[in-house]
C-alpha atoms as a PDB file:
ATOM      1  CA  MET A   1      -0.042  -0.047   0.080  1.00  0.00           C
ATOM      2  CA  ASN A   2       1.184   3.583  -0.818  1.00  0.00           C
ATOM      3  CA  TYR A   3       1.373   5.671   2.109  1.00  0.00           C
ATOM      4  CA  THR A   4       2.129   9.401   3.105  1.00  0.00           C
ATOM      5  CA  LEU A   5       4.491  10.480   5.986  1.00  0.00           C
ATOM      6  CA  LEU A   6       3.523  13.865   7.772  1.00  0.00           C
ATOM      7  CA  SER A   7       5.584  15.717  10.157  1.00  0.00           C
ATOM      8  CA  SER A   8       3.363  16.463  13.299  1.00  0.00           C
ATOM      9  CA  PRO A   9       3.663  20.086  14.687  1.00  0.00           C
ATOM     10  CA  LEU A  10       5.636  20.568  17.781  1.00  0.00           C
ATOM     11  CA  GLN A  11       5.223  24.125  19.253  1.00  0.00           C
ATOM     12  CA  GLY A  12       8.889  25.664  19.509  1.00  0.00           C
ATOM     13  CA  PHE A  13      10.509  22.955  17.364  1.00  0.00           C
ATOM     14  CA  THR A  14       8.994  22.500  13.968  1.00  0.00           C
ATOM     15  CA  ASP A  15       9.194  26.146  12.561  1.00  0.00           C
ATOM     16  CA  PHE A  16       9.919  26.950   9.002  1.00  0.00           C
ATOM     17  CA  ARG A  17      13.819  26.881   9.918  1.00  0.00           C
ATOM     18  CA  PHE A  18      13.646  23.469  11.336  1.00  0.00           C
ATOM     19  CA  ARG A  19      11.484  22.277   8.387  1.00  0.00           C
ATOM     20  CA  ASN A  20      13.858  23.511   5.538  1.00  0.00           C
ATOM     21  CA  ALA A  21      16.863  22.034   7.286  1.00  0.00           C
ATOM     22  CA  LEU A  22      15.137  18.703   7.833  1.00  0.00           C
ATOM     23  CA  ASN A  23      13.977  18.601   4.205  1.00  0.00           C
ATOM     24  CA  LYS A  24      17.532  19.589   2.888  1.00  0.00           C
ATOM     25  CA  TYR A  25      19.562  16.931   4.750  1.00  0.00           C
ATOM     26  CA  PHE A  26      17.069  14.081   5.189  1.00  0.00           C
ATOM     27  CA  GLY A  27      14.009  14.294   3.262  1.00  0.00           C
ATOM     28  CA  GLY A  28      11.240  11.641   3.533  1.00  0.00           C
ATOM     29  CA  ILE A  29       8.392  13.970   4.876  1.00  0.00           C
ATOM     30  CA  ASP A  30       5.590  14.582   2.415  1.00  0.00           C
ATOM     31  CA  THR A  31       3.594  17.116   4.330  1.00  0.00           C
ATOM     32  CA  TYR A  32       4.613  19.407   7.147  1.00  0.00           C
ATOM     33  CA  TYR A  33       2.106  20.801   9.632  1.00  0.00           C
ATOM     34  CA  SER A  34       3.042  24.091  11.032  1.00  0.00           C
ATOM     35  CA  PRO A  35       3.025  24.812  14.877  1.00  0.00           C
ATOM     36  CA  TYR A  36      -0.417  26.415  15.725  1.00  0.00           C
ATOM     37  CA  ILE A  37      -1.502  29.934  15.686  1.00  0.00           C
ATOM     38  CA  ARG A  38      -2.812  31.107  18.945  1.00  0.00           C
ATOM     39  CA  LEU A  39      -4.601  34.419  19.243  1.00  0.00           C
ATOM     40  CA  ASN A  40      -5.654  34.892  22.877  1.00  0.00           C
ATOM     41  CA  GLY A  41      -8.636  36.897  22.215  1.00  0.00           C
ATOM     42  CA  LYS A  42      -6.899  39.638  19.863  1.00  0.00           C
ATOM     43  CA  LEU A  43      -7.615  39.413  16.061  1.00  0.00           C
ATOM     44  CA  VAL A  44      -3.930  40.001  15.299  1.00  0.00           C
ATOM     45  CA  ILE A  45      -1.507  37.668  13.764  1.00  0.00           C
ATOM     46  CA  LYS A  46       1.877  37.911  15.444  1.00  0.00           C
ATOM     47  CA  PRO A  47       4.953  38.382  13.332  1.00  0.00           C
ATOM     48  CA  SER A  48       6.607  35.005  14.394  1.00  0.00           C
ATOM     49  CA  TYR A  49       3.473  33.285  12.908  1.00  0.00           C
ATOM     50  CA  GLU A  50       3.540  35.358   9.711  1.00  0.00           C
ATOM     51  CA  ARG A  51       7.200  34.592   9.279  1.00  0.00           C
ATOM     52  CA  ASP A  52       6.468  30.848   9.674  1.00  0.00           C
ATOM     53  CA  LEU A  53       3.806  30.595   7.104  1.00  0.00           C
ATOM     54  CA  LEU A  54       5.337  33.178   4.385  1.00  0.00           C
ATOM     55  CA  PRO A  55       5.420  31.187   1.080  1.00  0.00           C
ATOM     56  CA  GLU A  56       8.968  32.368   0.472  1.00  0.00           C
ATOM     57  CA  ASN A  57       9.921  30.900   3.778  1.00  0.00           C
ATOM     58  CA  ASN A  58       8.548  27.350   2.817  1.00  0.00           C
ATOM     59  CA  VAL A  59       9.681  27.091  -0.809  1.00  0.00           C
ATOM     60  CA  GLY A  60       9.425  23.230  -1.893  1.00  0.00           C
ATOM     61  CA  LEU A  61       7.701  22.317   0.948  1.00  0.00           C
ATOM     62  CA  GLU A  62       4.015  21.207   1.360  1.00  0.00           C
ATOM     63  CA  VAL A  63       2.751  23.078   4.459  1.00  0.00           C
ATOM     64  CA  ILE A  64      -0.634  22.926   6.227  1.00  0.00           C
ATOM     65  CA  PRO A  65      -1.187  25.900   8.648  1.00  0.00           C
ATOM     66  CA  GLN A  66      -2.763  25.100  12.122  1.00  0.00           C
ATOM     67  CA  VAL A  67      -4.794  27.107  14.612  1.00  0.00           C
ATOM     68  CA  ILE A  68      -5.679  26.415  18.073  1.00  0.00           C
ATOM     69  CA  THR A  69      -8.794  28.076  19.441  1.00  0.00           C
ATOM     70  CA  ASN A  70     -12.263  27.498  20.998  1.00  0.00           C
ATOM     71  CA  ASP A  71     -13.802  30.527  19.309  1.00  0.00           C
ATOM     72  CA  ALA A  72     -15.506  30.755  15.872  1.00  0.00           C
ATOM     73  CA  ASP A  73     -14.519  34.415  15.230  1.00  0.00           C
ATOM     74  CA  GLU A  74     -10.721  33.535  15.740  1.00  0.00           C
ATOM     75  CA  PHE A  75     -11.171  30.426  13.583  1.00  0.00           C
ATOM     76  CA  LEU A  76     -12.519  32.578  10.771  1.00  0.00           C
ATOM     77  CA  PHE A  77     -10.150  35.158  11.171  1.00  0.00           C
ATOM     78  CA  VAL A  78      -7.211  32.869  10.905  1.00  0.00           C
ATOM     79  CA  ALA A  79      -8.934  30.970   7.959  1.00  0.00           C
ATOM     80  CA  LYS A  80      -9.031  34.312   6.041  1.00  0.00           C
ATOM     81  CA  TYR A  81      -5.528  35.051   6.947  1.00  0.00           C
ATOM     82  CA  VAL A  82      -4.142  31.815   5.759  1.00  0.00           C
ATOM     83  CA  ARG A  83      -6.281  31.848   2.619  1.00  0.00           C
ATOM     84  CA  GLU A  84      -4.783  35.234   1.725  1.00  0.00           C
ATOM     85  CA  LEU A  85      -1.307  33.599   1.830  1.00  0.00           C
ATOM     86  CA  GLY A  86      -2.416  31.144  -0.734  1.00  0.00           C
ATOM     87  CA  TYR A  87      -3.272  28.215   1.746  1.00  0.00           C
ATOM     88  CA  LYS A  88      -6.345  26.047   1.077  1.00  0.00           C
ATOM     89  CA  GLU A  89      -6.560  24.106   4.261  1.00  0.00           C
ATOM     90  CA  LEU A  90      -6.556  24.763   7.959  1.00  0.00           C
ATOM     91  CA  ASN A  91      -5.920  22.437  10.467  1.00  0.00           C
ATOM     92  CA  TRP A  92      -7.911  22.819  13.918  1.00  0.00           C
ATOM     93  CA  ASN A  93      -5.917  21.556  16.996  1.00  0.00           C
ATOM     94  CA  LEU A  94      -7.897  19.541  19.371  1.00  0.00           C
ATOM     95  CA  GLY A  95      -4.687  17.768  20.628  1.00  0.00           C
ATOM     96  CA  CYS A  96      -2.541  19.849  22.607  1.00  0.00           C
ATOM     97  CA  PRO A  97      -2.163  18.304  25.965  1.00  0.00           C
ATOM     98  CA  TYR A  98      -0.484  20.938  28.098  1.00  0.00           C
ATOM     99  CA  PRO A  99      -2.439  22.485  31.058  1.00  0.00           C
ATOM    100  CA  MET A 100      -1.888  26.122  29.988  1.00  0.00           C
ATOM    101  CA  VAL A 101      -3.917  25.205  26.994  1.00  0.00           C
ATOM    102  CA  THR A 102      -6.418  22.590  28.251  1.00  0.00           C
ATOM    103  CA  LYS A 103      -7.313  24.730  31.266  1.00  0.00           C
ATOM    104  CA  SER A 104      -8.574  27.549  28.733  1.00  0.00           C
ATOM    105  CA  GLY A 105     -10.857  24.994  27.121  1.00  0.00           C
ATOM    106  CA  MET A 106      -8.552  24.591  24.034  1.00  0.00           C
ATOM    107  CA  GLY A 107      -6.742  21.768  22.447  1.00  0.00           C
ATOM    108  CA  SER A 108      -7.500  18.530  23.932  1.00  0.00           C
ATOM    109  CA  GLY A 109      -9.421  20.303  26.680  1.00  0.00           C
ATOM    110  CA  LEU A 110     -12.172  21.137  24.092  1.00  0.00           C
ATOM    111  CA  ILE A 111     -12.900  17.452  23.202  1.00  0.00           C
ATOM    112  CA  SER A 112     -15.309  17.176  25.925  1.00  0.00           C
ATOM    113  CA  ASN A 113     -17.420  19.985  24.602  1.00  0.00           C
ATOM    114  CA  PRO A 114     -19.187  18.682  21.331  1.00  0.00           C
ATOM    115  CA  GLU A 115     -21.711  21.615  21.252  1.00  0.00           C
ATOM    116  CA  LYS A 116     -19.074  24.219  20.956  1.00  0.00           C
ATOM    117  CA  ILE A 117     -17.161  22.009  18.284  1.00  0.00           C
ATOM    118  CA  ASN A 118     -20.143  21.907  16.336  1.00  0.00           C
ATOM    119  CA  ASN A 119     -20.718  25.661  16.577  1.00  0.00           C
ATOM    120  CA  ILE A 120     -17.353  26.457  15.419  1.00  0.00           C
ATOM    121  CA  LEU A 121     -17.278  23.885  12.640  1.00  0.00           C
ATOM    122  CA  ASP A 122     -20.895  25.130  11.493  1.00  0.00           C
ATOM    123  CA  ARG A 123     -19.567  28.644  11.132  1.00  0.00           C
ATOM    124  CA  ALA A 124     -16.244  27.547   9.506  1.00  0.00           C
ATOM    125  CA  HIS A 125     -18.193  25.684   6.692  1.00  0.00           C
ATOM    126  CA  SER A 126     -21.002  28.254   6.160  1.00  0.00           C
ATOM    127  CA  GLU A 127     -18.793  31.491   6.319  1.00  0.00           C
ATOM    128  CA  SER A 128     -15.435  30.460   4.911  1.00  0.00           C
ATOM    129  CA  ASP A 129     -14.307  28.282   1.917  1.00  0.00           C
ATOM    130  CA  ILE A 130     -11.236  27.032   3.818  1.00  0.00           C
ATOM    131  CA  ILE A 131     -10.897  23.289   3.836  1.00  0.00           C
ATOM    132  CA  VAL A 132     -11.007  22.076   7.278  1.00  0.00           C
ATOM    133  CA  SER A 133      -8.932  19.386   8.821  1.00  0.00           C
ATOM    134  CA  MET A 134      -8.404  18.207  12.491  1.00  0.00           C
ATOM    135  CA  LYS A 135      -5.631  17.119  14.751  1.00  0.00           C
ATOM    136  CA  MET A 136      -6.986  15.415  18.032  1.00  0.00           C
ATOM    137  CA  ARG A 137      -6.196  13.200  20.885  1.00  0.00           C
ATOM    138  CA  LEU A 138      -8.897  10.475  22.074  1.00  0.00           C
ATOM    139  CA  GLY A 139      -9.991  12.913  24.922  1.00  0.00           C
ATOM    140  CA  TYR A 140      -8.683  14.721  27.793  1.00  0.00           C
ATOM    141  CA  GLU A 141      -9.925  12.582  30.737  1.00  0.00           C
ATOM    142  CA  ASN A 142     -10.742   9.495  28.928  1.00  0.00           C
ATOM    143  CA  SER A 143     -10.543   7.784  25.572  1.00  0.00           C
ATOM    144  CA  GLU A 144     -14.514   7.814  25.292  1.00  0.00           C
ATOM    145  CA  GLU A 145     -14.689  11.558  24.847  1.00  0.00           C
ATOM    146  CA  ILE A 146     -13.712  11.290  21.189  1.00  0.00           C
ATOM    147  CA  LEU A 147     -16.585   9.016  20.591  1.00  0.00           C
ATOM    148  CA  ASP A 148     -19.198  11.649  21.404  1.00  0.00           C
ATOM    149  CA  VAL A 149     -17.426  14.062  18.883  1.00  0.00           C
ATOM    150  CA  LEU A 150     -16.965  11.804  15.858  1.00  0.00           C
ATOM    151  CA  PRO A 151     -20.947  11.820  14.921  1.00  0.00           C
ATOM    152  CA  ILE A 152     -20.642  15.798  14.983  1.00  0.00           C
ATOM    153  CA  LEU A 153     -17.667  15.658  12.623  1.00  0.00           C
ATOM    154  CA  ASP A 154     -19.542  13.349  10.396  1.00  0.00           C
ATOM    155  CA  ARG A 155     -21.923  16.301   9.606  1.00  0.00           C
ATOM    156  CA  TYR A 156     -19.231  18.110   7.783  1.00  0.00           C
ATOM    157  CA  PRO A 157     -16.846  17.468   5.002  1.00  0.00           C
ATOM    158  CA  ILE A 158     -13.868  17.544   7.128  1.00  0.00           C
ATOM    159  CA  LYS A 159     -10.636  16.507   4.954  1.00  0.00           C
ATOM    160  CA  ASN A 160      -9.173  14.232   7.769  1.00  0.00           C
ATOM    161  CA  ILE A 161      -8.706  13.794  11.356  1.00  0.00           C
ATOM    162  CA  ALA A 162      -5.164  12.909  12.554  1.00  0.00           C
ATOM    163  CA  ILE A 163      -5.537  11.220  15.967  1.00  0.00           C
ATOM    164  CA  HIS A 164      -2.735  11.037  18.539  1.00  0.00           C
ATOM    165  CA  ALA A 165      -3.652   7.790  20.339  1.00  0.00           C
ATOM    166  CA  ARG A 166      -3.367   9.183  23.798  1.00  0.00           C
ATOM    167  CA  ILE A 167      -5.497  11.153  26.090  1.00  0.00           C
ATOM    168  CA  GLY A 168      -4.732  14.766  27.124  1.00  0.00           C
ATOM    169  CA  LYS A 169      -3.774  14.182  30.681  1.00  0.00           C
ATOM    170  CA  GLN A 170      -1.238  11.638  29.830  1.00  0.00           C
ATOM    171  CA  LEU A 171       0.904  14.344  27.904  1.00  0.00           C
ATOM    172  CA  TYR A 172       3.685  12.126  26.341  1.00  0.00           C
ATOM    173  CA  LYS A 173       3.639   9.356  29.293  1.00  0.00           C
ATOM    174  CA  GLY A 174       2.446   5.978  29.304  1.00  0.00           C
ATOM    175  CA  GLY A 175       1.628   4.085  26.043  1.00  0.00           C
ATOM    176  CA  VAL A 176      -0.757   4.731  23.183  1.00  0.00           C
ATOM    177  CA  HIS A 177      -4.276   3.281  23.039  1.00  0.00           C
ATOM    178  CA  LEU A 178      -4.520   1.239  19.948  1.00  0.00           C
ATOM    179  CA  ASP A 179      -7.821  -0.206  20.857  1.00  0.00           C
ATOM    180  CA  ALA A 180      -9.194   3.225  21.251  1.00  0.00           C
ATOM    181  CA  PHE A 181      -7.908   4.278  17.909  1.00  0.00           C
ATOM    182  CA  GLN A 182      -9.425   1.252  16.317  1.00  0.00           C
ATOM    183  CA  GLN A 183     -12.814   2.408  17.774  1.00  0.00           C
ATOM    184  CA  CYS A 184     -12.336   5.464  15.999  1.00  0.00           C
ATOM    185  CA  ILE A 185     -11.907   3.969  13.042  1.00  0.00           C
ATOM    186  CA  ASP A 186     -15.020   2.062  13.502  1.00  0.00           C
ATOM    187  CA  ASN A 187     -17.142   5.017  14.341  1.00  0.00           C
ATOM    188  CA  THR A 188     -16.469   7.512  11.705  1.00  0.00           C
ATOM    189  CA  ILE A 189     -16.981   7.898   7.896  1.00  0.00           C
ATOM    190  CA  HIS A 190     -13.907  10.097   7.892  1.00  0.00           C
ATOM    191  CA  LYS A 191     -10.624   9.525   6.772  1.00  0.00           C
ATOM    192  CA  LEU A 192      -8.060   9.046   9.864  1.00  0.00           C
ATOM    193  CA  TYR A 193      -4.325   9.633  10.212  1.00  0.00           C
ATOM    194  CA  TYR A 194      -2.325   7.738  12.815  1.00  0.00           C
ATOM    195  CA  ASN A 195      -0.027   9.775  15.290  1.00  0.00           C
ATOM    196  CA  GLY A 196       1.904   8.427  18.465  1.00  0.00           C
ATOM    197  CA  ASP A 197       5.073   6.740  19.077  1.00  0.00           C
ATOM    198  CA  ILE A 198       6.305   6.115  15.657  1.00  0.00           C
ATOM    199  CA  THR A 199      10.015   5.958  16.606  1.00  0.00           C
ATOM    200  CA  SER A 200      11.465   3.152  14.488  1.00  0.00           C
ATOM    201  CA  VAL A 201      11.039   1.627  11.135  1.00  0.00           C
ATOM    202  CA  ALA A 202       9.980  -1.681  13.006  1.00  0.00           C
ATOM    203  CA  LYS A 203       7.514   0.480  15.079  1.00  0.00           C
ATOM    204  CA  PHE A 204       6.197   1.737  11.820  1.00  0.00           C
ATOM    205  CA  HIS A 205       5.917  -1.687  10.319  1.00  0.00           C
ATOM    206  CA  GLU A 206       4.130  -3.064  13.459  1.00  0.00           C
ATOM    207  CA  MET A 207       1.610  -0.198  13.150  1.00  0.00           C
ATOM    208  CA  GLN A 208       0.951  -0.760   9.609  1.00  0.00           C
ATOM    209  CA  GLN A 209       0.151  -4.352  10.446  1.00  0.00           C
ATOM    210  CA  ARG A 210      -2.121  -3.339  13.407  1.00  0.00           C
ATOM    211  CA  PHE A 211      -4.071  -0.633  11.065  1.00  0.00           C
ATOM    212  CA  PRO A 212      -4.038  -1.988   7.534  1.00  0.00           C
ATOM    213  CA  THR A 213      -6.491   0.566   6.331  1.00  0.00           C
ATOM    214  CA  ILE A 214      -4.531   3.659   7.504  1.00  0.00           C
ATOM    215  CA  ASP A 215      -2.227   5.183   4.712  1.00  0.00           C
ATOM    216  CA  HIS A 216      -1.160   8.624   6.372  1.00  0.00           C
ATOM    217  CA  TRP A 217       1.064   8.401   9.282  1.00  0.00           C
ATOM    218  CA  MET A 218       2.265  11.326  11.506  1.00  0.00           C
ATOM    219  CA  ILE A 219       5.524  11.536  13.220  1.00  0.00           C
ATOM    220  CA  GLY A 220       6.011  14.072  15.882  1.00  0.00           C
ATOM    221  CA  ARG A 221       8.884  13.627  18.641  1.00  0.00           C
ATOM    222  CA  GLY A 222      10.330  10.861  16.779  1.00  0.00           C
ATOM    223  CA  LEU A 223      11.397  13.082  13.964  1.00  0.00           C
ATOM    224  CA  ILE A 224      13.219  15.313  16.117  1.00  0.00           C
ATOM    225  CA  SER A 225      15.021  12.440  17.788  1.00  0.00           C
ATOM    226  CA  ASP A 226      15.728  10.648  14.726  1.00  0.00           C
ATOM    227  CA  PRO A 227      15.456  12.835  11.563  1.00  0.00           C
ATOM    228  CA  PHE A 228      16.720   9.902   9.556  1.00  0.00           C
ATOM    229  CA  LEU A 229      13.485   8.111  10.535  1.00  0.00           C
ATOM    230  CA  PRO A 230      11.253   9.192   7.438  1.00  0.00           C
ATOM    231  CA  SER A 231      13.673   8.732   4.566  1.00  0.00           C
ATOM    232  CA  MET A 232      14.513   5.360   6.169  1.00  0.00           C
ATOM    233  CA  ILE A 233      10.845   4.200   6.544  1.00  0.00           C
ATOM    234  CA  LYS A 234      10.492   5.217   2.731  1.00  0.00           C
ATOM    235  CA  SER A 235      13.580   3.020   1.822  1.00  0.00           C
ATOM    236  CA  ASN A 236      12.377   0.131   3.919  1.00  0.00           C
ATOM    237  CA  THR A 237      15.773  -0.033   5.897  1.00  0.00           C
ATOM    238  CA  MET A 238      17.120  -0.165   9.269  1.00  0.00           C
ATOM    239  CA  GLU A 239      20.371   0.713   8.150  1.00  0.00           C
ATOM    240  CA  TYR A 240      21.752   4.336   8.540  1.00  0.00           C
ATOM    241  CA  PRO A 241      23.674   5.932   5.999  1.00  0.00           C
ATOM    242  CA  ALA A 242      27.493   5.472   6.232  1.00  0.00           C
ATOM    243  CA  ASN A 243      27.842   9.240   6.517  1.00  0.00           C
ATOM    244  CA  LYS A 244      25.196   9.590   9.333  1.00  0.00           C
ATOM    245  CA  MET A 245      27.331  11.642  11.693  1.00  0.00           C
ATOM    246  CA  GLU A 246      28.540  14.105   8.896  1.00  0.00           C
ATOM    247  CA  LEU A 247      24.775  14.696   7.885  1.00  0.00           C
ATOM    248  CA  PHE A 248      23.629  15.036  11.421  1.00  0.00           C
ATOM    249  CA  SER A 249      26.584  17.611  12.032  1.00  0.00           C
ATOM    250  CA  ALA A 250      25.788  19.593   9.023  1.00  0.00           C
ATOM    251  CA  PHE A 251      21.996  19.593   9.902  1.00  0.00           C
ATOM    252  CA  HIS A 252      23.058  20.792  13.738  1.00  0.00           C
ATOM    253  CA  ASP A 253      25.320  23.538  12.176  1.00  0.00           C
ATOM    254  CA  THR A 254      22.664  24.805   9.879  1.00  0.00           C
ATOM    255  CA  LEU A 255      20.098  25.066  12.639  1.00  0.00           C
ATOM    256  CA  TYR A 256      22.855  26.511  15.020  1.00  0.00           C
ATOM    257  CA  GLY A 257      23.415  29.181  12.469  1.00  0.00           C
ATOM    258  CA  ILE A 258      20.254  30.177  11.528  1.00  0.00           C
ATOM    259  CA  TYR A 259      18.908  30.393  15.390  1.00  0.00           C
ATOM    260  CA  SER A 260      22.040  32.339  16.068  1.00  0.00           C
ATOM    261  CA  GLU A 261      20.971  34.819  13.733  1.00  0.00           C
ATOM    262  CA  SER A 262      17.376  35.041  14.457  1.00  0.00           C
ATOM    263  CA  LEU A 263      17.507  34.967  18.452  1.00  0.00           C
ATOM    264  CA  SER A 264      18.848  37.539  20.497  1.00  0.00           C
ATOM    265  CA  GLY A 265      21.522  36.931  23.063  1.00  0.00           C
ATOM    266  CA  SER A 266      23.466  33.898  24.071  1.00  0.00           C
ATOM    267  CA  THR A 267      20.987  32.762  26.714  1.00  0.00           C
ATOM    268  CA  HIS A 268      18.292  32.387  24.188  1.00  0.00           C
ATOM    269  CA  ILE A 269      20.318  30.565  21.694  1.00  0.00           C
ATOM    270  CA  LEU A 270      21.813  28.233  24.156  1.00  0.00           C
ATOM    271  CA  LEU A 271      18.240  27.444  25.708  1.00  0.00           C
ATOM    272  CA  LYS A 272      16.791  26.852  22.192  1.00  0.00           C
ATOM    273  CA  MET A 273      19.640  24.475  21.369  1.00  0.00           C
ATOM    274  CA  TYR A 274      19.440  22.632  24.591  1.00  0.00           C
ATOM    275  CA  HIS A 275      15.902  21.952  24.139  1.00  0.00           C
ATOM    276  CA  LEU A 276      16.843  20.595  20.602  1.00  0.00           C
ATOM    277  CA  TRP A 277      19.477  18.321  22.194  1.00  0.00           C
ATOM    278  CA  GLU A 278      16.967  16.863  24.651  1.00  0.00           C
ATOM    279  CA  TYR A 279      15.797  15.099  21.568  1.00  0.00           C
ATOM    280  CA  PHE A 280      18.998  15.176  19.567  1.00  0.00           C
ATOM    281  CA  SER A 281      20.960  13.138  22.080  1.00  0.00           C
ATOM    282  CA  ALA A 282      18.814  10.155  21.355  1.00  0.00           C
ATOM    283  CA  THR A 283      20.804   9.893  18.067  1.00  0.00           C
ATOM    284  CA  PHE A 284      24.039   9.203  20.131  1.00  0.00           C
ATOM    285  CA  SER A 285      25.441   6.130  21.720  1.00  0.00           C
ATOM    286  CA  ASN A 286      25.286   7.832  25.189  1.00  0.00           C
ATOM    287  CA  PRO A 287      22.482  10.289  25.147  1.00  0.00           C
ATOM    288  CA  HIS A 288      22.623  10.960  28.897  1.00  0.00           C
ATOM    289  CA  LYS A 289      26.324  11.897  28.724  1.00  0.00           C
ATOM    290  CA  VAL A 290      25.758  13.838  25.592  1.00  0.00           C
ATOM    291  CA  LEU A 291      22.873  15.995  27.196  1.00  0.00           C
ATOM    292  CA  LYS A 292      24.924  16.398  30.408  1.00  0.00           C
ATOM    293  CA  GLN A 293      27.733  17.987  28.210  1.00  0.00           C
ATOM    294  CA  ILE A 294      25.287  20.374  26.516  1.00  0.00           C
ATOM    295  CA  LYS A 295      23.744  21.459  29.611  1.00  0.00           C
ATOM    296  CA  LYS A 296      27.108  22.346  31.270  1.00  0.00           C
ATOM    297  CA  ALA A 297      27.999  24.558  28.337  1.00  0.00           C
ATOM    298  CA  GLN A 298      26.885  27.901  29.721  1.00  0.00           C
ATOM    299  CA  SER A 299      28.586  29.929  26.883  1.00  0.00           C
ATOM    300  CA  ILE A 300      28.573  30.158  23.290  1.00  0.00           C
ATOM    301  CA  ARG A 301      32.318  29.071  23.215  1.00  0.00           C
ATOM    302  CA  ASN A 302      31.880  26.332  25.548  1.00  0.00           C
ATOM    303  CA  TYR A 303      28.780  25.223  23.728  1.00  0.00           C
ATOM    304  CA  GLU A 304      30.676  25.060  20.197  1.00  0.00           C
ATOM    305  CA  ALA A 305      33.565  23.210  21.971  1.00  0.00           C
ATOM    306  CA  ALA A 306      31.142  20.645  23.586  1.00  0.00           C
ATOM    307  CA  VAL A 307      29.289  20.027  20.244  1.00  0.00           C
ATOM    308  CA  ALA A 308      32.641  19.412  18.530  1.00  0.00           C
ATOM    309  CA  ALA A 309      33.839  16.976  21.093  1.00  0.00           C
ATOM    310  CA  ILE A 310      30.484  15.248  20.959  1.00  0.00           C
ATOM    311  CA  PHE A 311      30.619  14.557  17.131  1.00  0.00           C
ATOM    312  CA  LYS A 312      34.380  13.823  17.407  1.00  0.00           C
ATOM    313  CA  ASN A 313      33.784  11.142  20.124  1.00  0.00           C
ATOM    314  CA  GLU A 314      30.966   9.551  18.237  1.00  0.00           C
ATOM    315  CA  LYS A 315      32.941   9.250  14.983  1.00  0.00           C
ATOM    316  CA  ILE A 316      35.664   7.483  16.845  1.00  0.00           C
END
């Protein structure tokens, strides 16, 4: 079966700079979802959101914008904005698990409110020509919540629903609920995409066997931990390229150079890179030691020396 690989949006990570670098050095991703636009009650698009979606910053990439909101006016405002940029589709985030979002009744915190979901979808489809797709969890408190929402979604011509097979209050802990995801397949007319714990080629094959009707697979944290993964899945190999560390080093250097230019001050740069290394470290033979070396580097000079030593030691 032919299949499509998608990059799940991760706030603070998968911006246009990351997407371009990933595509340049590794490839394998067919479609990228941008990190969500959040308006917080003001109908204004922040410059950072604008930069992320500008077509000239995403040349050669298929990108789908995303919004997180519990307000129909906000949804319509963002829909109009992305249409003006040339995008035809807007993805609605009902998946974010973080308390600062869910306590405001957004992300996975909105799944338990089918009436509000219905109201927003009704206005989105009657007052805009945007194509709507969804990114969801199974619920916030329990995996039954989504089953009350699916019949409402069935009323609308939604392009697809990408489901991360966890509940919101799990955050990223614990396992994925595969039986609950199967229940979703059995209870909707819509096309579903699978998301959750695709961290290796073997895991991808396991999920393919478990859900033979699914042909769109979304990779989130696994993509940052192992940017080789999508191309290895596409090539159906578990062998890394011979120049693995050279490629990864070039990828790192590109990101480091771009963030050094776009962020102000060494503190911001070092923090940004440290958060990336929380994932990147998994690519190395001793992740704990690698992350410790990065954490100890409290200056740009020390950071660059630490990175050079990490790559040198790995090659040996």
